[in-house]
PDB file of N, CA and C in Angstrom:
ATOM      1  N   MET A   1       3.321 -21.182  41.902  1.00  0.00           N
ATOM      2  CA  MET A   1       3.017 -19.769  41.887  1.00  0.00           C
ATOM      3  C   MET A   1       3.185 -19.239  40.472  1.00  0.00           C
ATOM      4  N   ALA A   2       2.273 -18.373  40.100  1.00  0.00           N
ATOM      5  CA  ALA A   2       2.314 -17.828  38.744  1.00  0.00           C
ATOM      6  C   ALA A   2       1.951 -16.349  38.771  1.00  0.00           C
ATOM      7  N   ARG A   3       2.453 -15.655  37.774  1.00  0.00           N
ATOM      8  CA  ARG A   3       2.143 -14.235  37.661  1.00  0.00           C
ATOM      9  C   ARG A   3       0.634 -14.040  37.585  1.00  0.00           C
ATOM     10  N   PHE A   4       0.154 -13.066  38.318  1.00  0.00           N
ATOM     11  CA  PHE A   4      -1.246 -12.659  38.409  1.00  0.00           C
ATOM     12  C   PHE A   4      -2.091 -13.562  39.306  1.00  0.00           C
ATOM     13  N   ASP A   5      -1.477 -14.492  40.019  1.00  0.00           N
ATOM     14  CA  ASP A   5      -2.230 -15.251  41.015  1.00  0.00           C
ATOM     15  C   ASP A   5      -2.638 -14.318  42.148  1.00  0.00           C
ATOM     16  N   ILE A   6      -3.813 -14.565  42.708  1.00  0.00           N
ATOM     17  CA  ILE A   6      -4.337 -13.763  43.817  1.00  0.00           C
ATOM     18  C   ILE A   6      -4.267 -14.616  45.079  1.00  0.00           C
ATOM     19  N   TYR A   7      -3.732 -14.025  46.146  1.00  0.00           N
ATOM     20  CA  TYR A   7      -3.578 -14.725  47.425  1.00  0.00           C
ATOM     21  C   TYR A   7      -4.250 -13.937  48.544  1.00  0.00           C
ATOM     22  N   GLU A   8      -4.694 -14.665  49.560  1.00  0.00           N
ATOM     23  CA  GLU A   8      -5.136 -13.999  50.777  1.00  0.00           C
ATOM     24  C   GLU A   8      -3.923 -13.332  51.406  1.00  0.00           C
ATOM     25  N   ASN A   9      -4.131 -12.146  51.932  1.00  0.00           N
ATOM     26  CA  ASN A   9      -3.056 -11.425  52.584  1.00  0.00           C
ATOM     27  C   ASN A   9      -2.749 -12.101  53.926  1.00  0.00           C
ATOM     28  N   PRO A  10      -1.506 -12.562  54.128  1.00  0.00           N
ATOM     29  CA  PRO A  10      -1.160 -13.217  55.383  1.00  0.00           C
ATOM     30  C   PRO A  10      -0.789 -12.231  56.485  1.00  0.00           C
ATOM     31  N   GLY A  11      -0.735 -10.935  56.168  1.00  0.00           N
ATOM     32  CA  GLY A  11      -0.278  -9.931  57.121  1.00  0.00           C
ATOM     33  C   GLY A  11      -1.339  -9.447  58.079  1.00  0.00           C
ATOM     34  N   LYS A  12      -0.887  -8.665  59.036  1.00  0.00           N
ATOM     35  CA  LYS A  12      -1.789  -8.151  60.067  1.00  0.00           C
ATOM     36  C   LYS A  12      -2.736  -7.075  59.551  1.00  0.00           C
ATOM     37  N   ASN A  13      -2.499  -6.530  58.366  1.00  0.00           N
ATOM     38  CA  ASN A  13      -3.363  -5.498  57.786  1.00  0.00           C
ATOM     39  C   ASN A  13      -4.397  -6.055  56.816  1.00  0.00           C
ATOM     40  N   LYS A  14      -4.717  -7.337  56.939  1.00  0.00           N
ATOM     41  CA  LYS A  14      -5.629  -7.959  55.975  1.00  0.00           C
ATOM     42  C   LYS A  14      -7.061  -7.440  56.064  1.00  0.00           C
ATOM     43  N   ALA A  15      -7.413  -6.738  57.131  1.00  0.00           N
ATOM     44  CA  ALA A  15      -8.755  -6.157  57.206  1.00  0.00           C
ATOM     45  C   ALA A  15      -8.934  -5.083  56.132  1.00  0.00           C
ATOM     46  N   ASN A  16      -7.883  -4.317  55.865  1.00  0.00           N
ATOM     47  CA  ASN A  16      -7.929  -3.269  54.838  1.00  0.00           C
ATOM     48  C   ASN A  16      -7.405  -3.743  53.489  1.00  0.00           C
ATOM     49  N   ILE A  17      -6.514  -4.718  53.530  1.00  0.00           N
ATOM     50  CA  ILE A  17      -5.912  -5.271  52.311  1.00  0.00           C
ATOM     51  C   ILE A  17      -6.121  -6.783  52.340  1.00  0.00           C
ATOM     52  N   PRO A  18      -7.278  -7.244  51.889  1.00  0.00           N
ATOM     53  CA  PRO A  18      -7.565  -8.678  52.007  1.00  0.00           C
ATOM     54  C   PRO A  18      -6.784  -9.575  51.051  1.00  0.00           C
ATOM     55  N   TYR A  19      -6.311  -9.012  49.931  1.00  0.00           N
ATOM     56  CA  TYR A  19      -5.665  -9.845  48.915  1.00  0.00           C
ATOM     57  C   TYR A  19      -4.392  -9.196  48.381  1.00  0.00           C
ATOM     58  N   LEU A  20      -3.534 -10.042  47.831  1.00  0.00           N
ATOM     59  CA  LEU A  20      -2.307  -9.622  47.161  1.00  0.00           C
ATOM     60  C   LEU A  20      -2.259 -10.295  45.795  1.00  0.00           C
ATOM     61  N   ILE A  21      -1.826  -9.567  44.778  1.00  0.00           N
ATOM     62  CA  ILE A  21      -1.650 -10.138  43.449  1.00  0.00           C
ATOM     63  C   ILE A  21      -0.160 -10.241  43.166  1.00  0.00           C
ATOM     64  N   GLU A  22       0.285 -11.426  42.801  1.00  0.00           N
ATOM     65  CA  GLU A  22       1.681 -11.601  42.425  1.00  0.00           C
ATOM     66  C   GLU A  22       1.883 -11.053  41.019  1.00  0.00           C
ATOM     67  N   VAL A  23       2.894 -10.195  40.863  1.00  0.00           N
ATOM     68  CA  VAL A  23       3.155  -9.601  39.553  1.00  0.00           C
ATOM     69  C   VAL A  23       4.555  -9.922  39.034  1.00  0.00           C
ATOM     70  N   GLN A  24       5.278 -10.729  39.756  1.00  0.00           N
ATOM     71  CA  GLN A  24       6.638 -11.097  39.363  1.00  0.00           C
ATOM     72  C   GLN A  24       6.613 -12.031  38.164  1.00  0.00           C
ATOM     73  N   SER A  25       7.570 -11.858  37.289  1.00  0.00           N
ATOM     74  CA  SER A  25       7.671 -12.697  36.097  1.00  0.00           C
ATOM     75  C   SER A  25       7.885 -14.162  36.470  1.00  0.00           C
ATOM     76  N   ASN A  26       7.243 -15.040  35.740  1.00  0.00           N
ATOM     77  CA  ASN A  26       7.427 -16.480  35.949  1.00  0.00           C
ATOM     78  C   ASN A  26       8.849 -16.929  35.647  1.00  0.00           C
ATOM     79  N   VAL A  27       9.564 -16.154  34.855  1.00  0.00           N
ATOM     80  CA  VAL A  27      10.934 -16.503  34.464  1.00  0.00           C
ATOM     81  C   VAL A  27      11.869 -16.513  35.673  1.00  0.00           C
ATOM     82  N   ILE A  28      11.568 -15.702  36.685  1.00  0.00           N
ATOM     83  CA  ILE A  28      12.425 -15.648  37.875  1.00  0.00           C
ATOM     84  C   ILE A  28      11.713 -16.239  39.090  1.00  0.00           C
ATOM     85  N   SER A  29      11.007 -17.311  38.871  1.00  0.00           N
ATOM     86  CA  SER A  29      10.225 -17.931  39.947  1.00  0.00           C
ATOM     87  C   SER A  29      11.086 -18.615  40.995  1.00  0.00           C
ATOM     88  N   GLY A  30      12.369 -18.803  40.744  1.00  0.00           N
ATOM     89  CA  GLY A  30      13.239 -19.472  41.701  1.00  0.00           C
ATOM     90  C   GLY A  30      13.683 -18.607  42.867  1.00  0.00           C
ATOM     91  N   LEU A  31      13.328 -17.321  42.865  1.00  0.00           N
ATOM     92  CA  LEU A  31      13.720 -16.445  43.961  1.00  0.00           C
ATOM     93  C   LEU A  31      12.931 -16.767  45.224  1.00  0.00           C
ATOM     94  N   ALA A  32      13.466 -16.384  46.361  1.00  0.00           N
ATOM     95  CA  ALA A  32      12.824 -16.656  47.647  1.00  0.00           C
ATOM     96  C   ALA A  32      11.708 -15.666  47.963  1.00  0.00           C
ATOM     97  N   THR A  33      11.580 -14.622  47.156  1.00  0.00           N
ATOM     98  CA  THR A  33      10.550 -13.612  47.377  1.00  0.00           C
ATOM     99  C   THR A  33       9.659 -13.495  46.151  1.00  0.00           C
ATOM    100  N   ARG A  34       8.516 -12.863  46.357  1.00  0.00           N
ATOM    101  CA  ARG A  34       7.585 -12.573  45.267  1.00  0.00           C
ATOM    102  C   ARG A  34       7.189 -11.107  45.352  1.00  0.00           C
ATOM    103  N   VAL A  35       7.129 -10.458  44.187  1.00  0.00           N
ATOM    104  CA  VAL A  35       6.665  -9.077  44.132  1.00  0.00           C
ATOM    105  C   VAL A  35       5.142  -9.121  44.019  1.00  0.00           C
ATOM    106  N   VAL A  36       4.489  -8.387  44.928  1.00  0.00           N
ATOM    107  CA  VAL A  36       3.029  -8.395  44.993  1.00  0.00           C
ATOM    108  C   VAL A  36       2.500  -6.966  45.041  1.00  0.00           C
ATOM    109  N   ILE A  37       1.247  -6.817  44.639  1.00  0.00           N
ATOM    110  CA  ILE A  37       0.537  -5.547  44.744  1.00  0.00           C
ATOM    111  C   ILE A  37      -0.697  -5.794  45.610  1.00  0.00           C
ATOM    112  N   PRO A  38      -0.932  -4.927  46.599  1.00  0.00           N
ATOM    113  CA  PRO A  38      -2.117  -5.099  47.441  1.00  0.00           C
ATOM    114  C   PRO A  38      -3.411  -4.757  46.715  1.00  0.00           C
ATOM    115  N   LEU A  39      -4.453  -5.477  47.070  1.00  0.00           N
ATOM    116  CA  LEU A  39      -5.818  -5.169  46.639  1.00  0.00           C
ATOM    117  C   LEU A  39      -6.561  -4.637  47.856  1.00  0.00           C
ATOM    118  N   ARG A  40      -7.051  -3.419  47.760  1.00  0.00           N
ATOM    119  CA  ARG A  40      -7.706  -2.752  48.894  1.00  0.00           C
ATOM    120  C   ARG A  40      -9.218  -2.662  48.683  1.00  0.00           C
ATOM    121  N   HIS A  41      -9.921  -2.599  49.812  1.00  0.00           N
ATOM    122  CA  HIS A  41     -11.355  -2.315  49.773  1.00  0.00           C
ATOM    123  C   HIS A  41     -11.556  -0.907  49.209  1.00  0.00           C
ATOM    124  N   LEU A  42     -12.585  -0.720  48.453  1.00  0.00           N
ATOM    125  CA  LEU A  42     -12.866   0.595  47.865  1.00  0.00           C
ATOM    126  C   LEU A  42     -13.267   1.634  48.905  1.00  0.00           C
ATOM    127  N   ALA A  43     -13.782   1.228  50.028  1.00  0.00           N
ATOM    128  CA  ALA A  43     -14.277   2.166  51.037  1.00  0.00           C
ATOM    129  C   ALA A  43     -13.218   3.181  51.459  1.00  0.00           C
ATOM    130  N   GLY A  44     -11.978   2.787  51.521  1.00  0.00           N
ATOM    131  CA  GLY A  44     -10.916   3.688  51.932  1.00  0.00           C
ATOM    132  C   GLY A  44     -10.583   4.755  50.905  1.00  0.00           C
ATOM    133  N   PHE A  45     -11.145   4.665  49.724  1.00  0.00           N
ATOM    134  CA  PHE A  45     -10.837   5.600  48.650  1.00  0.00           C
ATOM    135  C   PHE A  45     -12.057   6.375  48.181  1.00  0.00           C
ATOM    136  N   SER A  46     -13.129   6.348  48.947  1.00  0.00           N
ATOM    137  CA  SER A  46     -14.375   6.956  48.502  1.00  0.00           C
ATOM    138  C   SER A  46     -14.274   8.466  48.314  1.00  0.00           C
ATOM    139  N   ASN A  47     -13.382   9.135  49.044  1.00  0.00           N
ATOM    140  CA  ASN A  47     -13.269  10.589  48.937  1.00  0.00           C
ATOM    141  C   ASN A  47     -12.119  11.027  48.033  1.00  0.00           C
ATOM    142  N   LEU A  48     -11.446  10.083  47.423  1.00  0.00           N
ATOM    143  CA  LEU A  48     -10.308  10.408  46.575  1.00  0.00           C
ATOM    144  C   LEU A  48     -10.616  10.139  45.115  1.00  0.00           C
ATOM    145  N   THR A  49     -10.011  10.942  44.265  1.00  0.00           N
ATOM    146  CA  THR A  49     -10.049  10.664  42.836  1.00  0.00           C
ATOM    147  C   THR A  49      -8.665  10.155  42.456  1.00  0.00           C
ATOM    148  N   VAL A  50      -8.616   8.919  42.017  1.00  0.00           N
ATOM    149  CA  VAL A  50      -7.331   8.308  41.676  1.00  0.00           C
ATOM    150  C   VAL A  50      -7.326   7.968  40.187  1.00  0.00           C
ATOM    151  N   PRO A  51      -6.155   8.047  39.566  1.00  0.00           N
ATOM    152  CA  PRO A  51      -6.081   7.690  38.140  1.00  0.00           C
ATOM    153  C   PRO A  51      -6.386   6.208  37.928  1.00  0.00           C
ATOM    154  N   SER A  52      -7.372   5.924  37.111  1.00  0.00           N
ATOM    155  CA  SER A  52      -7.811   4.537  36.932  1.00  0.00           C
ATOM    156  C   SER A  52      -6.762   3.668  36.255  1.00  0.00           C
ATOM    157  N   ASP A  53      -5.840   4.280  35.507  1.00  0.00           N
ATOM    158  CA  ASP A  53      -4.807   3.459  34.878  1.00  0.00           C
ATOM    159  C   ASP A  53      -3.717   3.064  35.872  1.00  0.00           C
ATOM    160  N   LEU A  54      -3.584   3.785  36.985  1.00  0.00           N
ATOM    161  CA  LEU A  54      -2.628   3.442  38.034  1.00  0.00           C
ATOM    162  C   LEU A  54      -3.275   2.585  39.114  1.00  0.00           C
ATOM    163  N   PHE A  55      -4.576   2.756  39.300  1.00  0.00           N
ATOM    164  CA  PHE A  55      -5.341   2.043  40.318  1.00  0.00           C
ATOM    165  C   PHE A  55      -6.541   1.327  39.688  1.00  0.00           C
ATOM    166  N   PRO A  56      -6.324   0.336  38.826  1.00  0.00           N
ATOM    167  CA  PRO A  56      -7.474  -0.335  38.203  1.00  0.00           C
ATOM    168  C   PRO A  56      -8.280  -1.136  39.227  1.00  0.00           C
ATOM    169  N   LEU A  57      -9.522  -1.359  38.889  1.00  0.00           N
ATOM    170  CA  LEU A  57     -10.401  -2.183  39.721  1.00  0.00           C
ATOM    171  C   LEU A  57     -10.278  -3.639  39.292  1.00  0.00           C
ATOM    172  N   ILE A  58     -10.214  -4.513  40.287  1.00  0.00           N
ATOM    173  CA  ILE A  58     -10.135  -5.958  40.057  1.00  0.00           C
ATOM    174  C   ILE A  58     -11.317  -6.589  40.790  1.00  0.00           C
ATOM    175  N   ALA A  59     -12.128  -7.363  40.084  1.00  0.00           N
ATOM    176  CA  ALA A  59     -13.289  -8.002  40.700  1.00  0.00           C
ATOM    177  C   ALA A  59     -12.931  -9.399  41.196  1.00  0.00           C
ATOM    178  N   ILE A  60     -13.352  -9.674  42.428  1.00  0.00           N
ATOM    179  CA  ILE A  60     -13.195 -10.999  43.024  1.00  0.00           C
ATOM    180  C   ILE A  60     -14.547 -11.373  43.613  1.00  0.00           C
ATOM    181  N   ASP A  61     -15.114 -12.457  43.134  1.00  0.00           N
ATOM    182  CA  ASP A  61     -16.427 -12.928  43.592  1.00  0.00           C
ATOM    183  C   ASP A  61     -17.477 -11.819  43.541  1.00  0.00           C
ATOM    184  N   GLY A  62     -17.465 -11.051  42.452  1.00  0.00           N
ATOM    185  CA  GLY A  62     -18.467 -10.019  42.245  1.00  0.00           C
ATOM    186  C   GLY A  62     -18.249  -8.734  43.021  1.00  0.00           C
ATOM    187  N   LYS A  63     -17.141  -8.614  43.724  1.00  0.00           N
ATOM    188  CA  LYS A  63     -16.850  -7.420  44.507  1.00  0.00           C
ATOM    189  C   LYS A  63     -15.581  -6.763  43.954  1.00  0.00           C
ATOM    190  N   ASP A  64     -15.616  -5.430  43.781  1.00  0.00           N
ATOM    191  CA  ASP A  64     -14.472  -4.705  43.231  1.00  0.00           C
ATOM    192  C   ASP A  64     -13.470  -4.321  44.315  1.00  0.00           C
ATOM    193  N   TYR A  65     -12.197  -4.459  43.961  1.00  0.00           N
ATOM    194  CA  TYR A  65     -11.088  -4.055  44.828  1.00  0.00           C
ATOM    195  C   TYR A  65     -10.164  -3.160  44.022  1.00  0.00           C
ATOM    196  N   LEU A  66      -9.505  -2.242  44.710  1.00  0.00           N
ATOM    197  CA  LEU A  66      -8.594  -1.313  44.075  1.00  0.00           C
ATOM    198  C   LEU A  66      -7.178  -1.873  44.104  1.00  0.00           C
ATOM    199  N   LEU A  67      -6.544  -1.962  42.946  1.00  0.00           N
ATOM    200  CA  LEU A  67      -5.159  -2.388  42.861  1.00  0.00           C
ATOM    201  C   LEU A  67      -4.290  -1.186  43.243  1.00  0.00           C
ATOM    202  N   ASP A  68      -3.647  -1.257  44.404  1.00  0.00           N
ATOM    203  CA  ASP A  68      -2.856  -0.140  44.930  1.00  0.00           C
ATOM    204  C   ASP A  68      -1.417  -0.263  44.432  1.00  0.00           C
ATOM    205  N   THR A  69      -1.249  -0.027  43.152  1.00  0.00           N
ATOM    206  CA  THR A  69       0.022  -0.250  42.458  1.00  0.00           C
ATOM    207  C   THR A  69       1.221   0.423  43.122  1.00  0.00           C
ATOM    208  N   PRO A  70       1.127   1.692  43.564  1.00  0.00           N
ATOM    209  CA  PRO A  70       2.302   2.322  44.168  1.00  0.00           C
ATOM    210  C   PRO A  70       2.769   1.648  45.465  1.00  0.00           C
ATOM    211  N   GLN A  71       1.950   0.796  46.039  1.00  0.00           N
ATOM    212  CA  GLN A  71       2.311   0.117  47.285  1.00  0.00           C
ATOM    213  C   GLN A  71       2.885  -1.273  47.053  1.00  0.00           C
ATOM    214  N   LEU A  72       3.316  -1.573  45.833  1.00  0.00           N
ATOM    215  CA  LEU A  72       3.866  -2.900  45.572  1.00  0.00           C
ATOM    216  C   LEU A  72       5.094  -3.139  46.433  1.00  0.00           C
ATOM    217  N   GLY A  73       5.362  -4.403  46.687  1.00  0.00           N
ATOM    218  CA  GLY A  73       6.518  -4.779  47.488  1.00  0.00           C
ATOM    219  C   GLY A  73       6.820  -6.252  47.327  1.00  0.00           C
ATOM    220  N   ALA A  74       7.885  -6.674  47.981  1.00  0.00           N
ATOM    221  CA  ALA A  74       8.282  -8.082  47.926  1.00  0.00           C
ATOM    222  C   ALA A  74       8.049  -8.718  49.294  1.00  0.00           C
ATOM    223  N   ILE A  75       7.558  -9.947  49.273  1.00  0.00           N
ATOM    224  CA  ILE A  75       7.393 -10.703  50.506  1.00  0.00           C
ATOM    225  C   ILE A  75       7.968 -12.105  50.276  1.00  0.00           C
ATOM    226  N   PRO A  76       8.335 -12.802  51.346  1.00  0.00           N
ATOM    227  CA  PRO A  76       8.822 -14.172  51.182  1.00  0.00           C
ATOM    228  C   PRO A  76       7.752 -15.044  50.522  1.00  0.00           C
ATOM    229  N   SER A  77       8.152 -15.827  49.562  1.00  0.00           N
ATOM    230  CA  SER A  77       7.188 -16.650  48.815  1.00  0.00           C
ATOM    231  C   SER A  77       6.435 -17.614  49.725  1.00  0.00           C
ATOM    232  N   GLY A  78       7.062 -18.054  50.803  1.00  0.00           N
ATOM    233  CA  GLY A  78       6.411 -18.976  51.728  1.00  0.00           C
ATOM    234  C   GLY A  78       5.221 -18.387  52.458  1.00  0.00           C
ATOM    235  N   GLU A  79       5.089 -17.071  52.451  1.00  0.00           N
ATOM    236  CA  GLU A  79       3.954 -16.426  53.112  1.00  0.00           C
ATOM    237  C   GLU A  79       2.696 -16.446  52.246  1.00  0.00           C
ATOM    238  N   LEU A  80       2.860 -16.660  50.959  1.00  0.00           N
ATOM    239  CA  LEU A  80       1.707 -16.720  50.059  1.00  0.00           C
ATOM    240  C   LEU A  80       1.183 -18.153  50.053  1.00  0.00           C
ATOM    241  N   LYS A  81       0.244 -18.422  50.936  1.00  0.00           N
ATOM    242  CA  LYS A  81      -0.203 -19.800  51.135  1.00  0.00           C
ATOM    243  C   LYS A  81      -1.573 -20.091  50.545  1.00  0.00           C
ATOM    244  N   VAL A  82      -2.495 -19.134  50.638  1.00  0.00           N
ATOM    245  CA  VAL A  82      -3.868 -19.406  50.229  1.00  0.00           C
ATOM    246  C   VAL A  82      -4.180 -18.680  48.926  1.00  0.00           C
ATOM    247  N   LYS A  83      -4.053 -19.411  47.818  1.00  0.00           N
ATOM    248  CA  LYS A  83      -4.395 -18.857  46.504  1.00  0.00           C
ATOM    249  C   LYS A  83      -5.902 -18.921  46.351  1.00  0.00           C
ATOM    250  N   ILE A  84      -6.498 -17.772  45.979  1.00  0.00           N
ATOM    251  CA  ILE A  84      -7.955 -17.754  45.830  1.00  0.00           C
ATOM    252  C   ILE A  84      -8.398 -17.598  44.378  1.00  0.00           C
ATOM    253  N   GLY A  85      -7.435 -17.397  43.479  1.00  0.00           N
ATOM    254  CA  GLY A  85      -7.802 -17.258  42.081  1.00  0.00           C
ATOM    255  C   GLY A  85      -6.688 -16.631  41.268  1.00  0.00           C
ATOM    256  N   SER A  86      -7.075 -16.122  40.111  1.00  0.00           N
ATOM    257  CA  SER A  86      -6.119 -15.504  39.197  1.00  0.00           C
ATOM    258  C   SER A  86      -6.711 -14.206  38.659  1.00  0.00           C
ATOM    259  N   ALA A  87      -5.834 -13.235  38.452  1.00  0.00           N
ATOM    260  CA  ALA A  87      -6.231 -11.974  37.836  1.00  0.00           C
ATOM    261  C   ALA A  87      -5.755 -11.939  36.384  1.00  0.00           C
ATOM    262  N   GLN A  88      -5.566 -13.095  35.797  1.00  0.00           N
ATOM    263  CA  GLN A  88      -5.093 -13.206  34.415  1.00  0.00           C
ATOM    264  C   GLN A  88      -5.973 -12.404  33.452  1.00  0.00           C
ATOM    265  N   ASP A  89      -7.273 -12.346  33.720  1.00  0.00           N
ATOM    266  CA  ASP A  89      -8.181 -11.580  32.863  1.00  0.00           C
ATOM    267  C   ASP A  89      -7.901 -10.076  32.923  1.00  0.00           C
ATOM    268  N   TYR A  90      -7.165  -9.629  33.942  1.00  0.00           N
ATOM    269  CA  TYR A  90      -6.838  -8.213  34.126  1.00  0.00           C
ATOM    270  C   TYR A  90      -5.375  -7.911  33.799  1.00  0.00           C
ATOM    271  N   ARG A  91      -4.705  -8.817  33.123  1.00  0.00           N
ATOM    272  CA  ARG A  91      -3.268  -8.669  32.903  1.00  0.00           C
ATOM    273  C   ARG A  91      -2.911  -7.380  32.173  1.00  0.00           C
ATOM    274  N   PHE A  92      -3.730  -6.934  31.233  1.00  0.00           N
ATOM    275  CA  PHE A  92      -3.427  -5.702  30.504  1.00  0.00           C
ATOM    276  C   PHE A  92      -3.582  -4.482  31.409  1.00  0.00           C
ATOM    277  N   GLU A  93      -4.594  -4.488  32.269  1.00  0.00           N
ATOM    278  CA  GLU A  93      -4.780  -3.388  33.207  1.00  0.00           C
ATOM    279  C   GLU A  93      -3.652  -3.349  34.239  1.00  0.00           C
ATOM    280  N   ILE A  94      -3.248  -4.527  34.727  1.00  0.00           N
ATOM    281  CA  ILE A  94      -2.166  -4.592  35.711  1.00  0.00           C
ATOM    282  C   ILE A  94      -0.853  -4.153  35.078  1.00  0.00           C
ATOM    283  N   GLN A  95      -0.562  -4.646  33.887  1.00  0.00           N
ATOM    284  CA  GLN A  95       0.678  -4.248  33.220  1.00  0.00           C
ATOM    285  C   GLN A  95       0.660  -2.759  32.908  1.00  0.00           C
ATOM    286  N   GLY A  96      -0.483  -2.240  32.524  1.00  0.00           N
ATOM    287  CA  GLY A  96      -0.604  -0.802  32.283  1.00  0.00           C
ATOM    288  C   GLY A  96      -0.347   0.016  33.539  1.00  0.00           C
ATOM    289  N   ALA A  97      -0.828  -0.467  34.672  1.00  0.00           N
ATOM    290  CA  ALA A  97      -0.593   0.213  35.943  1.00  0.00           C
ATOM    291  C   ALA A  97       0.900   0.193  36.305  1.00  0.00           C
ATOM    292  N   LEU A  98       1.552  -0.936  36.064  1.00  0.00           N
ATOM    293  CA  LEU A  98       2.996  -1.035  36.309  1.00  0.00           C
ATOM    294  C   LEU A  98       3.766  -0.105  35.370  1.00  0.00           C
ATOM    295  N   ASP A  99       3.337  -0.040  34.114  1.00  0.00           N
ATOM    296  CA  ASP A  99       3.967   0.862  33.157  1.00  0.00           C
ATOM    297  C   ASP A  99       3.802   2.324  33.588  1.00  0.00           C
ATOM    298  N   ARG A 100       2.631   2.669  34.085  1.00  0.00           N
ATOM    299  CA  ARG A 100       2.391   4.044  34.567  1.00  0.00           C
ATOM    300  C   ARG A 100       3.282   4.340  35.771  1.00  0.00           C
ATOM    301  N   LEU A 101       3.403   3.389  36.665  1.00  0.00           N
ATOM    302  CA  LEU A 101       4.218   3.580  37.867  1.00  0.00           C
ATOM    303  C   LEU A 101       5.690   3.779  37.524  1.00  0.00           C
ATOM    304  N   PHE A 102       6.197   2.981  36.597  1.00  0.00           N
ATOM    305  CA  PHE A 102       7.623   3.014  36.275  1.00  0.00           C
ATOM    306  C   PHE A 102       7.963   3.883  35.055  1.00  0.00           C
ATOM    307  N   GLY A 103       6.938   4.517  34.454  1.00  0.00           N
ATOM    308  CA  GLY A 103       7.194   5.416  33.334  1.00  0.00           C
ATOM    309  C   GLY A 103       7.585   4.702  32.065  1.00  0.00           C
ATOM    310  N   SER A 104       6.980   3.552  31.794  1.00  0.00           N
ATOM    311  CA  SER A 104       7.340   2.740  30.624  1.00  0.00           C
ATOM    312  C   SER A 104       6.405   2.983  29.444  1.00  0.00           C
ATOM    313  N   TYR A 105       5.974   4.205  29.252  1.00  0.00           N
ATOM    314  CA  TYR A 105       5.071   4.483  28.138  1.00  0.00           C
ATOM    315  C   TYR A 105       5.811   4.476  26.835  1.00  0.00           C
TER     316      TYR A 105
END
């Protein structure tokens, strides 16, 4: 497991949140949990205006998903089973969203 890996959501809400991005530092990879941010379908946000630096778009197989940064959480690492790719190309946008969330400007 590595920071910015994208996994299929193993939870019951995967219809609305198909993917999770791991954002936990590789330095603490020995923990039993991983901090993840959900990736949501854009359809649920069509009537909302959200700050793009807090909710950046992440493309997977040519389709855009919204990084729902304020909904980050920890899940047991054993639940992240199906890795579908990496969001390494979006690391600056993801880190910027985390900085906005935690006030690290």
